[in-house]
């Protein structure tokens, strides 16, 4: 009987890195070609995709022993958890009744130019009325933060698999 052989953690880490590169490329396409301006929460979600990708790239290049390999996978999984939090926050904002949606603030460029770093960071982490607007739906169903949450869930699952798999292929 033939056994299914799973790719090594190194291959999976490279795969996650490339998946995050593709995700960021899609986000940049949506921003620069489709002219969809990212809100603060969208930018924050991008940061956590990038961090997850860089952790997995470092793990793939380093190709460590079991304990360190597990640590890399858990750090990458935690980036997915943090990114998921911001996706869920944006989905929540998008589902608020209109009268409960926070007011829209100025654009990110204005905030970065005129406010201290802490206030800019607070804007990125909390979101505002701009984050509650649904500007695109894939197949008329999934909003951008819902697609991000699906991607984070898949990446998180793969990172946990790598952290706790019994044998290395």
Protein backbone atom coordinates (compact mmCIF):
# COMPACT_ATOMS: atom_id res chain seq x y z
CA UNK A 1 0.00 0.00 0.00
CA UNK A 2 1.36 3.45 -0.94
CA UNK A 3 1.71 5.95 1.85
CA UNK A 4 0.95 9.60 1.35
CA UNK A 5 4.08 11.58 2.06
CA UNK A 6 3.61 15.12 3.27
CA UNK A 7 6.03 17.89 2.36
CA UNK A 8 8.73 18.80 4.84
CA UNK A 9 8.30 21.80 7.13
CA UNK A 10 10.87 23.63 5.03
CA UNK A 11 8.76 23.21 1.90
CA UNK A 12 5.61 24.17 3.80
CA UNK A 13 7.32 27.27 5.19
CA UNK A 14 8.36 28.35 1.71
CA UNK A 15 4.76 27.67 0.60
CA UNK A 16 3.35 29.88 3.36
CA UNK A 17 5.83 32.62 2.48
CA UNK A 18 4.74 32.51 -1.17
CA UNK A 19 1.07 32.45 -0.13
CA UNK A 20 1.59 35.63 1.89
CA UNK A 21 3.44 37.25 -1.03
CA UNK A 22 0.48 36.43 -3.29
CA UNK A 23 -1.94 37.76 -0.66
CA UNK A 24 -0.07 41.06 -0.42
CA UNK A 25 0.17 41.23 -4.24
CA UNK A 26 -3.61 40.84 -4.44
CA UNK A 27 -4.07 43.56 -1.82
CA UNK A 28 -1.76 45.89 -3.77
CA UNK A 29 -3.63 45.07 -7.00
CA UNK A 30 -6.92 45.94 -5.31
CA UNK A 31 -5.41 49.19 -4.03
CA UNK A 32 -3.56 50.40 -7.13
CA UNK A 33 -5.50 48.88 -10.04
CA UNK A 34 -9.02 48.58 -8.65
CA UNK A 35 -8.46 51.86 -6.73
CA UNK A 36 -9.82 50.50 -3.43
CA UNK A 37 -8.25 52.59 -0.66
CA UNK A 38 -7.24 50.48 2.34
CA UNK A 39 -8.55 51.50 5.75
CA UNK A 40 -6.52 51.33 8.96
CA UNK A 41 -7.63 47.79 9.77
CA UNK A 42 -6.80 46.63 6.22
CA UNK A 43 -3.28 47.97 6.61
CA UNK A 44 -2.93 46.30 10.00
CA UNK A 45 -4.05 42.97 8.50
CA UNK A 46 -1.45 43.36 5.75
CA UNK A 47 1.26 43.87 8.37
CA UNK A 48 0.39 40.55 10.05
CA UNK A 49 0.36 38.70 6.69
CA UNK A 50 3.84 40.13 6.04
CA UNK A 51 5.07 39.18 9.52
CA UNK A 52 3.74 35.62 9.15
CA UNK A 53 5.44 35.35 5.77
CA UNK A 54 8.78 36.63 7.06
CA UNK A 55 8.72 34.25 10.03
CA UNK A 56 8.07 31.32 7.69
CA UNK A 57 10.76 32.50 5.27
CA UNK A 58 13.26 32.70 8.15
CA UNK A 59 12.24 29.19 9.26
CA UNK A 60 12.63 27.84 5.73
CA UNK A 61 16.07 29.38 5.31
CA UNK A 62 17.23 28.41 8.81
CA UNK A 63 15.74 24.88 8.63
CA UNK A 64 16.22 24.32 12.39
CA UNK A 65 15.92 21.26 14.61
CA UNK A 66 12.59 20.23 16.15
CA UNK A 67 12.35 22.62 19.13
CA UNK A 68 13.25 25.75 17.16
CA UNK A 69 11.13 24.58 14.23
CA UNK A 70 8.16 24.36 16.60
CA UNK A 71 8.92 27.87 17.93
CA UNK A 72 8.98 29.35 14.41
CA UNK A 73 5.65 27.67 13.62
CA UNK A 74 4.04 28.94 16.82
CA UNK A 75 5.28 32.49 16.21
CA UNK A 76 3.87 32.39 12.67
CA UNK A 77 0.60 30.98 14.04
CA UNK A 78 0.43 33.83 16.56
CA UNK A 79 0.79 36.35 13.70
CA UNK A 80 -2.25 34.68 12.15
CA UNK A 81 -4.17 34.99 15.42
CA UNK A 82 -3.38 38.70 15.70
CA UNK A 83 -4.28 39.28 12.05
CA UNK A 84 -7.51 37.35 12.53
CA UNK A 85 -8.44 39.60 15.44
CA UNK A 86 -8.27 42.65 13.18
CA UNK A 87 -10.21 40.85 10.43
CA UNK A 88 -12.92 39.94 12.92
CA UNK A 89 -12.99 43.52 14.25
CA UNK A 90 -13.50 44.85 10.73
CA UNK A 91 -16.20 42.26 9.98
CA UNK A 92 -17.91 43.32 13.22
CA UNK A 93 -17.72 46.99 12.19
CA UNK A 94 -19.19 46.11 8.79
CA UNK A 95 -22.16 44.44 10.43
CA UNK A 96 -23.00 47.23 12.87
CA UNK A 97 -26.27 49.10 12.33
CA UNK A 98 -25.62 52.40 10.51
CA UNK A 99 -26.36 54.49 13.58
CA UNK A 100 -23.70 52.62 15.62
CA UNK A 101 -20.85 52.84 13.10
CA UNK A 102 -18.04 55.09 14.38
CA UNK A 103 -17.50 58.36 12.56
CA UNK A 104 -15.08 58.40 9.64
CA UNK A 105 -11.78 60.01 10.40
CA UNK A 106 -9.27 61.71 8.13
CA UNK A 107 -7.15 59.65 5.75
CA UNK A 108 -4.11 57.71 6.93
CA UNK A 109 -1.67 60.06 5.18
CA UNK A 110 -3.15 63.06 6.99
CA UNK A 111 -3.04 61.25 10.33
CA UNK A 112 0.59 60.17 9.82
CA UNK A 113 1.59 63.73 8.89
CA UNK A 114 -0.26 65.53 11.68
CA UNK A 115 -0.58 63.24 14.68
CA UNK A 116 1.91 61.57 17.03
CA UNK A 117 2.88 57.96 16.36
CA UNK A 118 0.76 56.63 19.26
CA UNK A 119 -2.42 58.22 17.87
CA UNK A 120 -1.62 56.90 14.40
CA UNK A 121 -1.09 53.43 15.84
CA UNK A 122 -4.38 53.71 17.76
CA UNK A 123 -6.16 54.61 14.50
CA UNK A 124 -4.66 51.58 12.74
CA UNK A 125 -5.67 49.23 15.56
CA UNK A 126 -9.19 50.48 16.23
CA UNK A 127 -10.48 51.45 12.82
CA UNK A 128 -13.19 53.97 12.08
CA UNK A 129 -16.24 54.40 9.85
CA UNK A 130 -14.09 53.87 6.75
CA UNK A 131 -13.41 50.33 7.98
CA UNK A 132 -17.16 49.63 8.17
CA UNK A 133 -17.70 50.30 4.48
CA UNK A 134 -17.90 47.22 2.26
CA UNK A 135 -16.34 48.27 -1.05
CA UNK A 136 -15.84 44.85 -2.67
CA UNK A 137 -17.33 41.38 -2.42
CA UNK A 138 -15.85 38.30 -4.05
CA UNK A 139 -18.66 36.46 -5.88
CA UNK A 140 -21.04 38.89 -4.16
CA UNK A 141 -20.50 36.98 -0.90
CA UNK A 142 -17.13 37.55 0.79
CA UNK A 143 -15.93 40.99 1.85
CA UNK A 144 -12.20 41.71 1.96
CA UNK A 145 -11.83 41.11 5.73
CA UNK A 146 -13.82 37.86 5.40
CA UNK A 147 -11.40 36.69 2.71
CA UNK A 148 -8.49 37.71 4.95
CA UNK A 149 -10.00 35.73 7.84
CA UNK A 150 -10.31 32.65 5.63
CA UNK A 151 -6.66 33.04 4.60
CA UNK A 152 -5.54 33.54 8.21
CA UNK A 153 -7.47 30.44 9.26
CA UNK A 154 -5.78 28.32 6.59
CA UNK A 155 -2.32 29.67 7.42
CA UNK A 156 -2.93 29.20 11.16
CA UNK A 157 -3.99 25.58 10.61
CA UNK A 158 -0.91 24.88 8.53
CA UNK A 159 1.37 26.52 11.11
CA UNK A 160 -0.17 24.44 13.91
CA UNK A 161 0.20 21.31 11.81
CA UNK A 162 3.90 22.07 11.34
CA UNK A 163 4.35 22.83 15.05
CA UNK A 164 2.85 19.57 16.24
CA UNK A 165 3.51 17.04 13.51
CA UNK A 166 5.20 13.94 14.87
CA UNK A 167 7.75 13.32 12.18
CA UNK A 168 9.56 15.49 9.69
CA UNK A 169 9.26 14.31 6.11
